[in-house]
Amino acid sequence: MRIVLAMLLIVPIAGAAAVYFGGDRIVEAVINDRLEDDTDYAYVKDTEHIRVLLCGTGSPEISAARAQACTLVAAGGKMFLFDAGEGTTKSLAESDVPIGALDRIFLTHFHSDHFNGLASLVNAIWIWGRTEPLDVWGPVGLDKVVGGLNAAYALDHGYRKDNMPHLNATGPAADAVPHEIDFPAGARSVRVYDEGGVTIDARLVAHEPVAPALGYVITYRGKKVFVSGDTEVSPVNLPAMQNADLVVHEAYATHLIRRAIPIMRKLGRTHDAQVAERTIPYHADTIALAKQAQQAGVKHLVLTHLTPYADGFIARRLFTEGMADHYKGELTVGSDGLLIVL
């Protein structure tokens, strides 16, 4: 898809070059350069490691530097996407991910910033050649969400099939296929994938009033990864984090937000202050998270879904202030495009 989109830039560039240099070789060189395949196939060919890509470290607040919630985990020759917020498709393309080969998507919950980019991703990979429907897994309520997104794109699907008849043969791939995850009575964890040595367990996390909300534990070749989704720091998350090699966890710098709220009110930004106050209780305070990660024996803690945004060296230092006093493992403030190989 990235290659085809790049063609949009070829005509003006190549045209100007041809006029200036008076030859076709420049045009051909530009075209060849633009069509060169720079896809990173290690995501599907590397069967020795778990590859974790942060493709969206943002929050509901729109950011030019950060897509909304999105984490890609590649293991056993398969790619699994956890959440698909706004900007997911662009972010994956910028990291040269072969997105047409996605095996399935897992959603954590139904706050909009965790699925804003789902429909556009499914639509894009269908247009650019995917022939099999993309399976999407998530909490109860997924049928309604995915059904609505599929319906919203129905007219677009029809127009494209009329214009490009070859798409009729792959029509079923235009829609995502929902699979709701049910938990037996009293259970907080259920296995949702077990193939080729890769296991994925969905776990109930604490994000009330959003319920159910899920995190996911991925294991492969003796390595363990926990993708938290949105959650407060809670004892219910401890088993998922226990002895994990990598935890990709949402992070809320409460100490900064509490200092910002009076300033918001002073500036007349009452609505912003109210939002900040109401979101504190059901997100993961950085200090409490550091303590829990240490208790669980987490080897590497990566912060995502950052509130407020920690862009720049000073902002990152302020964001993580005090965490090193409680957590002695490796600590990383996540950024879009960060790739971790285990």
Protein backbone atom coordinates (compact mmCIF):
# COMPACT_ATOMS: atom_id res chain seq x y z
CA MET A 1 0.00 0.00 0.00
CA ARG A 2 2.81 2.38 0.88
CA ILE A 3 4.31 1.81 -2.55
CA VAL A 4 1.08 2.62 -4.36
CA LEU A 5 0.45 5.73 -2.31
CA ALA A 6 3.94 6.92 -3.14
CA MET A 7 2.96 6.94 -6.81
CA LEU A 8 0.82 9.98 -6.10
CA LEU A 9 4.02 11.98 -5.79
CA ILE A 10 5.63 10.65 -8.93
CA VAL A 11 3.77 12.61 -11.58
CA PRO A 12 4.67 16.15 -10.41
CA ILE A 13 8.24 15.19 -9.53
CA ALA A 14 8.87 13.20 -12.68
CA GLY A 15 7.20 15.81 -14.87
CA ALA A 16 9.38 18.59 -13.54
CA ALA A 17 12.49 16.47 -13.96
CA ALA A 18 11.64 15.60 -17.56
CA VAL A 19 11.12 19.23 -18.47
CA TYR A 20 14.33 20.31 -16.77
CA PHE A 21 16.62 17.54 -18.00
CA GLY A 22 14.87 16.75 -21.27
CA GLY A 23 14.98 12.97 -20.93
CA ASP A 24 13.05 9.91 -19.81
CA ARG A 25 15.82 8.34 -17.77
CA ILE A 26 15.26 10.69 -14.86
CA VAL A 27 11.56 9.88 -14.87
CA GLU A 28 12.29 6.14 -14.88
CA ALA A 29 14.82 6.53 -12.09
CA VAL A 30 12.31 8.39 -9.94
CA ILE A 31 9.65 5.76 -10.61
CA ASN A 32 12.03 2.89 -9.82
CA ASP A 33 13.07 4.57 -6.60
CA ARG A 34 9.47 5.12 -5.53
CA LEU A 35 8.47 1.54 -6.37
CA GLU A 36 11.36 -0.10 -4.54
CA ASP A 37 9.97 -2.51 -1.94
CA ASP A 38 11.15 -1.39 1.49
CA THR A 39 8.83 -3.68 3.46
CA ASP A 40 10.44 -5.21 6.55
CA TYR A 41 9.58 -8.88 6.16
CA ALA A 42 11.38 -9.77 9.39
CA TYR A 43 8.03 -9.25 11.09
CA VAL A 44 6.77 -12.46 9.46
CA LYS A 45 10.05 -14.28 8.73
CA ASP A 46 11.77 -14.00 12.12
CA THR A 47 10.59 -17.05 14.06
CA GLU A 48 13.32 -16.85 16.69
CA HIS A 49 12.13 -13.76 18.53
CA ILE A 50 9.17 -11.73 19.66
CA ARG A 51 9.13 -8.35 17.94
CA VAL A 52 7.10 -5.63 19.65
CA LEU A 53 6.42 -2.40 17.75
CA LEU A 54 4.85 0.63 19.39
CA CYS A 55 2.70 1.91 16.55
CA GLY A 56 0.59 4.22 18.69
CA THR A 57 1.62 5.69 22.05
CA GLY A 58 -0.90 8.52 22.16
CA SER A 59 -4.15 9.17 23.99
CA PRO A 60 -7.51 10.67 22.97
CA GLU A 61 -5.70 14.00 22.58
CA ILE A 62 -4.67 14.34 18.93
CA SER A 63 -0.92 14.56 18.38
CA ALA A 64 1.13 15.01 15.22
CA ALA A 65 3.91 12.93 16.77
CA ARG A 66 1.85 10.07 18.21
CA ALA A 67 -0.87 7.85 16.81
CA GLN A 68 -3.54 6.65 19.19
CA ALA A 69 -3.35 3.27 20.91
CA CYS A 70 -1.64 0.60 18.81
CA THR A 71 0.87 -2.15 19.63
CA LEU A 72 2.07 -4.77 17.15
CA VAL A 73 3.44 -8.09 18.38
CA ALA A 74 5.09 -10.45 15.88
CA ALA A 75 5.88 -14.01 16.94
CA GLY A 76 6.10 -17.38 15.26
CA GLY A 77 5.78 -15.88 11.80
CA LYS A 78 2.48 -14.19 12.68
CA MET A 79 1.57 -10.56 13.37
CA PHE A 80 -0.97 -9.58 15.99
CA LEU A 81 -2.23 -6.03 16.43
CA PHE A 82 -3.47 -4.84 19.79
CA ASP A 83 -5.82 -1.87 19.38
CA ALA A 84 -6.07 0.32 16.31
CA GLY A 85 -6.53 3.96 17.21
CA GLU A 86 -6.43 6.95 14.87
CA GLY A 87 -3.23 6.95 12.78
CA THR A 88 -2.62 3.19 12.97
CA THR A 89 -2.35 2.58 9.22
CA LYS A 90 0.06 5.47 8.67
CA SER A 91 2.20 4.46 11.63
CA LEU A 92 2.46 0.83 10.51
CA ALA A 93 3.39 1.95 6.99
CA GLU A 94 6.09 4.26 8.34
CA SER A 95 7.63 1.26 10.11
CA ASP A 96 7.52 -0.77 6.88
CA VAL A 97 5.20 -3.39 8.36
CA PRO A 98 3.68 -5.79 5.78
CA ILE A 99 0.19 -4.90 6.96
CA GLY A 100 -1.57 -7.11 4.43
CA ALA A 101 -0.18 -10.09 6.34
CA LEU A 102 -1.76 -9.20 9.69
CA ASP A 103 -3.06 -12.39 11.28
CA ARG A 104 -5.65 -10.82 13.57
CA ILE A 105 -6.48 -7.79 15.68
CA PHE A 106 -7.27 -7.77 19.39
CA LEU A 107 -9.13 -4.81 20.90
CA THR A 108 -8.82 -4.05 24.60
CA HIS A 109 -12.01 -2.00 25.07
CA PHE A 110 -14.29 0.42 23.30
CA HIS A 111 -13.01 3.87 24.12
CA SER A 112 -12.80 5.49 20.70
CA ASP A 113 -9.04 6.10 20.77
CA HIS A 114 -8.53 2.33 20.77
CA PHE A 115 -10.47 1.57 17.59
CA ASN A 116 -10.71 4.87 15.66
CA GLY A 117 -8.35 3.52 13.00
CA LEU A 118 -9.75 0.00 12.70
CA ALA A 119 -12.10 0.50 9.76
CA SER A 120 -9.61 2.52 7.72
CA LEU A 121 -6.95 -0.16 8.28
CA VAL A 122 -9.23 -3.00 7.18
CA ASN A 123 -10.37 -0.98 4.17
CA ALA A 124 -6.83 -0.07 3.12
CA ILE A 125 -5.41 -3.58 3.19
CA TRP A 126 -8.41 -4.88 1.22
CA ILE A 127 -7.98 -2.21 -1.47
CA TRP A 128 -4.28 -2.97 -1.78
CA GLY A 129 -4.63 -6.70 -2.18
CA ARG A 130 -5.68 -8.67 0.90
CA THR A 131 -7.88 -11.59 -0.11
CA GLU A 132 -8.88 -13.05 3.27
CA PRO A 133 -11.15 -11.38 5.85
CA LEU A 134 -9.38 -9.96 8.90
CA ASP A 135 -10.47 -11.44 12.22
CA VAL A 136 -10.95 -9.01 15.10
CA TRP A 137 -11.22 -10.20 18.69
CA GLY A 138 -12.40 -8.17 21.66
CA PRO A 139 -14.77 -7.82 24.60
CA VAL A 140 -18.51 -8.35 24.53
CA GLY A 141 -19.95 -5.53 22.44
CA LEU A 142 -17.51 -6.14 19.58
CA ASP A 143 -20.25 -7.39 17.25
CA LYS A 144 -22.00 -4.03 17.53
CA VAL A 145 -18.82 -2.01 17.04
CA VAL A 146 -17.45 -3.94 14.06
CA GLY A 147 -20.90 -4.29 12.51
CA GLY A 148 -21.32 -0.52 12.62
CA LEU A 149 -17.90 0.10 11.08
CA ASN A 150 -18.54 -2.40 8.29
CA ALA A 151 -21.87 -0.72 7.56
CA ALA A 152 -20.25 2.72 7.49
CA TYR A 153 -17.90 1.58 4.71
CA ALA A 154 -20.49 -0.33 2.66
CA LEU A 155 -21.01 2.45 0.10
CA ASP A 156 -17.25 2.83 -0.36
CA HIS A 157 -16.94 -0.92 -0.95
CA GLY A 158 -19.61 -0.77 -3.63
CA TYR A 159 -18.04 2.17 -5.44
CA ARG A 160 -14.62 0.51 -5.52
CA LYS A 161 -15.99 -2.80 -6.77
CA ASP A 162 -17.81 -0.99 -9.58
CA ASN A 163 -14.63 0.81 -10.60
CA MET A 164 -12.25 -2.11 -10.04
CA PRO A 165 -14.07 -5.37 -10.88
CA HIS A 166 -11.17 -7.49 -9.63
CA LEU A 167 -12.10 -6.43 -6.08
CA ASN A 168 -15.35 -8.37 -6.39
CA ALA A 169 -13.36 -11.59 -6.07
CA THR A 170 -11.97 -10.45 -2.72
CA GLY A 171 -15.14 -8.75 -1.51
CA PRO A 172 -15.37 -10.65 1.80
CA ALA A 173 -11.99 -9.22 2.82
CA ALA A 174 -13.51 -5.73 2.80
CA ASP A 175 -15.24 -6.38 6.12
CA ALA A 176 -13.71 -7.24 9.48
CA VAL A 177 -15.02 -10.39 11.16
CA PRO A 178 -15.79 -9.93 14.88
CA HIS A 179 -15.17 -12.55 17.58
CA GLU A 180 -16.44 -11.65 21.05
CA ILE A 181 -14.41 -13.00 23.96
CA ASP A 182 -16.52 -14.63 26.66
CA PHE A 183 -15.24 -15.36 30.15
CA PRO A 184 -16.55 -18.31 32.19
CA ALA A 185 -18.19 -17.32 35.46
CA GLY A 186 -15.55 -16.19 37.94
CA ALA A 187 -12.69 -16.37 35.42
CA ARG A 188 -10.39 -13.41 34.85
CA SER A 189 -8.32 -15.01 32.08
CA VAL A 190 -9.16 -16.97 28.95
CA ARG A 191 -6.95 -18.31 26.16
CA VAL A 192 -7.81 -16.82 22.79
CA TYR A 193 -4.91 -18.09 20.66
CA ASP A 194 -2.67 -21.16 20.78
CA GLU A 195 -0.87 -21.97 17.55
CA GLY A 196 2.73 -22.54 16.47
CA GLY A 197 4.09 -22.11 19.97
CA VAL A 198 2.40 -18.71 20.41
CA THR A 199 -0.19 -18.30 23.15
CA ILE A 200 -2.36 -15.27 23.80
CA ASP A 201 -4.51 -14.92 26.90
CA ALA A 202 -7.12 -12.20 27.35
CA ARG A 203 -7.28 -10.89 30.91
CA LEU A 204 -9.86 -8.69 32.59
CA VAL A 205 -8.29 -5.44 33.82
CA ALA A 206 -9.60 -2.61 36.01
CA HIS A 207 -10.96 0.29 33.96
CA GLU A 208 -14.41 0.86 35.46
CA PRO A 209 -16.87 2.17 34.43
CA VAL A 210 -15.57 0.62 31.20
CA ALA A 211 -16.33 -3.09 31.49
CA PRO A 212 -15.26 -5.46 30.27
CA ALA A 213 -11.81 -4.06 29.54
CA LEU A 214 -9.00 -6.40 28.56
CA GLY A 215 -5.25 -6.73 28.59
CA TYR A 216 -3.39 -9.47 26.73
CA VAL A 217 -0.53 -11.80 27.70
CA ILE A 218 1.55 -13.16 24.82
CA THR A 219 4.10 -15.96 25.25
CA TYR A 220 6.54 -17.45 22.75
CA ARG A 221 9.79 -19.41 23.12
CA GLY A 222 9.94 -18.82 26.86
CA LYS A 223 9.32 -15.05 26.63
CA LYS A 224 6.32 -13.25 28.10
CA VAL A 225 4.79 -9.92 27.05
CA PHE A 226 1.85 -8.12 28.67
CA VAL A 227 -0.07 -5.42 26.77
CA SER A 228 -2.19 -3.69 29.39
CA GLY A 229 -4.73 -1.71 27.42
CA ASP A 230 -6.30 0.96 29.64
CA THR A 231 -6.31 0.13 33.33
CA GLU A 232 -5.68 1.58 36.73
CA VAL A 233 -2.94 -0.01 38.80
CA SER A 234 -4.71 -2.93 40.44
CA PRO A 235 -3.88 -6.26 42.11
CA VAL A 236 -5.91 -8.00 39.38
CA ASN A 237 -3.12 -7.17 36.91
CA LEU A 238 -0.35 -8.71 39.00
CA PRO A 239 -0.57 -12.26 37.54
CA ALA A 240 -0.34 -10.87 34.00
CA MET A 241 2.76 -8.87 34.89
CA GLN A 242 4.46 -11.56 36.99
CA ASN A 243 8.01 -12.19 35.72
CA ALA A 244 7.18 -10.66 32.33
CA ASP A 245 10.09 -9.96 30.01
CA LEU A 246 8.25 -6.92 28.67
CA VAL A 247 5.21 -4.99 29.88
CA VAL A 248 3.71 -2.38 27.55
CA HIS A 249 1.59 -0.41 29.99
CA GLU A 250 -0.51 2.73 29.84
CA ALA A 251 0.88 5.51 32.02
CA TYR A 252 -0.67 8.57 33.62
CA ALA A 253 1.63 11.12 35.25
CA THR A 254 -0.77 12.09 38.02
CA HIS A 255 1.81 14.31 39.71
CA LEU A 256 1.95 16.51 36.60
CA ILE A 257 -1.79 16.50 35.95
CA ARG A 258 -2.60 17.56 39.52
CA ARG A 259 -0.22 20.49 39.15
CA ALA A 260 -1.76 21.42 35.81
CA ILE A 261 -5.41 21.42 36.91
CA PRO A 262 -5.27 24.71 38.89
CA ILE A 263 -3.50 26.36 35.97
CA MET A 264 -6.21 25.13 33.59
CA ARG A 265 -8.87 26.68 35.80
CA LYS A 266 -6.93 29.94 36.08
CA LEU A 267 -6.79 30.10 32.28
CA GLY A 268 -10.52 29.50 32.03
CA ARG A 269 -10.13 25.98 30.67
CA THR A 270 -12.73 24.54 33.00
CA HIS A 271 -13.70 21.71 30.67
CA ASP A 272 -10.10 20.52 30.37
CA ALA A 273 -9.73 20.61 34.15
CA GLN A 274 -12.87 18.53 34.60
CA VAL A 275 -11.69 15.94 32.09
CA ALA A 276 -8.31 15.73 33.81
CA GLU A 277 -9.88 15.23 37.22
CA ARG A 278 -12.28 12.55 36.03
CA THR A 279 -9.63 10.49 34.22
CA ILE A 280 -7.18 10.25 37.12
CA PRO A 281 -8.92 7.39 38.99
CA TYR A 282 -9.12 4.88 36.13
CA HIS A 283 -5.67 5.21 34.62
CA ALA A 284 -2.27 3.96 35.76
CA ASP A 285 -0.43 6.41 38.00
CA THR A 286 3.27 6.25 37.18
CA ILE A 287 4.48 5.83 40.77
CA ALA A 288 1.95 3.14 41.61
CA LEU A 289 2.83 1.41 38.34
CA ALA A 290 6.54 1.48 39.17
CA LYS A 291 5.84 -0.17 42.52
CA GLN A 292 3.70 -2.89 40.96
CA ALA A 293 6.22 -3.59 38.19
CA GLN A 294 8.93 -4.05 40.83
CA GLN A 295 6.67 -6.32 42.88
CA ALA A 296 5.89 -8.42 39.80
CA GLY A 297 9.52 -8.78 38.74
CA VAL A 298 9.00 -7.11 35.36
CA LYS A 299 12.27 -6.99 33.41
CA HIS A 300 11.41 -4.14 31.02
CA LEU A 301 8.57 -1.65 31.52
CA VAL A 302 7.56 0.40 28.48
CA LEU A 303 5.15 3.29 28.98
CA THR A 304 2.49 4.02 26.39
CA HIS A 305 -0.88 5.84 26.10
CA LEU A 306 0.99 8.72 27.70
CA THR A 307 -0.86 11.43 29.60
CA PRO A 308 0.36 14.12 29.35
CA TYR A 309 2.57 13.69 26.29
CA ALA A 310 6.24 13.31 27.12
CA ASP A 311 7.90 14.76 24.02
CA GLY A 312 11.51 15.78 24.53
CA PHE A 313 14.20 14.92 27.05
CA ILE A 314 13.00 17.23 29.82
CA ALA A 315 9.37 16.16 29.43
CA ARG A 316 10.37 12.49 29.66
CA ARG A 317 12.35 13.15 32.83
CA LEU A 318 9.42 14.97 34.39
CA PHE A 319 7.01 12.23 33.31
CA THR A 320 9.01 9.46 35.00
CA GLU A 321 9.96 11.51 38.06
CA GLY A 322 10.16 9.23 41.09
CA MET A 323 9.65 5.95 39.22
CA ALA A 324 13.29 4.87 39.53
CA ASP A 325 12.96 5.07 43.32
CA HIS A 326 10.59 2.11 43.18
CA TYR A 327 11.29 0.20 39.97
CA LYS A 328 14.79 -1.16 39.31
CA GLY A 329 14.24 -2.81 35.94
CA GLU A 330 14.65 -1.24 32.50
CA LEU A 331 12.26 1.68 32.00
CA THR A 332 11.36 3.21 28.62
CA VAL A 333 9.04 6.07 27.74
CA GLY A 334 7.47 4.80 24.55
CA SER A 335 7.42 6.62 21.23
CA ASP A 336 5.84 5.71 17.91
CA GLY A 337 8.10 3.49 15.84
CA LEU A 338 9.99 2.03 18.80
CA LEU A 339 10.81 -1.63 18.06
CA ILE A 340 11.82 -4.05 20.82
CA VAL A 341 13.13 -7.51 19.95
CA LEU A 342 13.09 -10.22 22.61
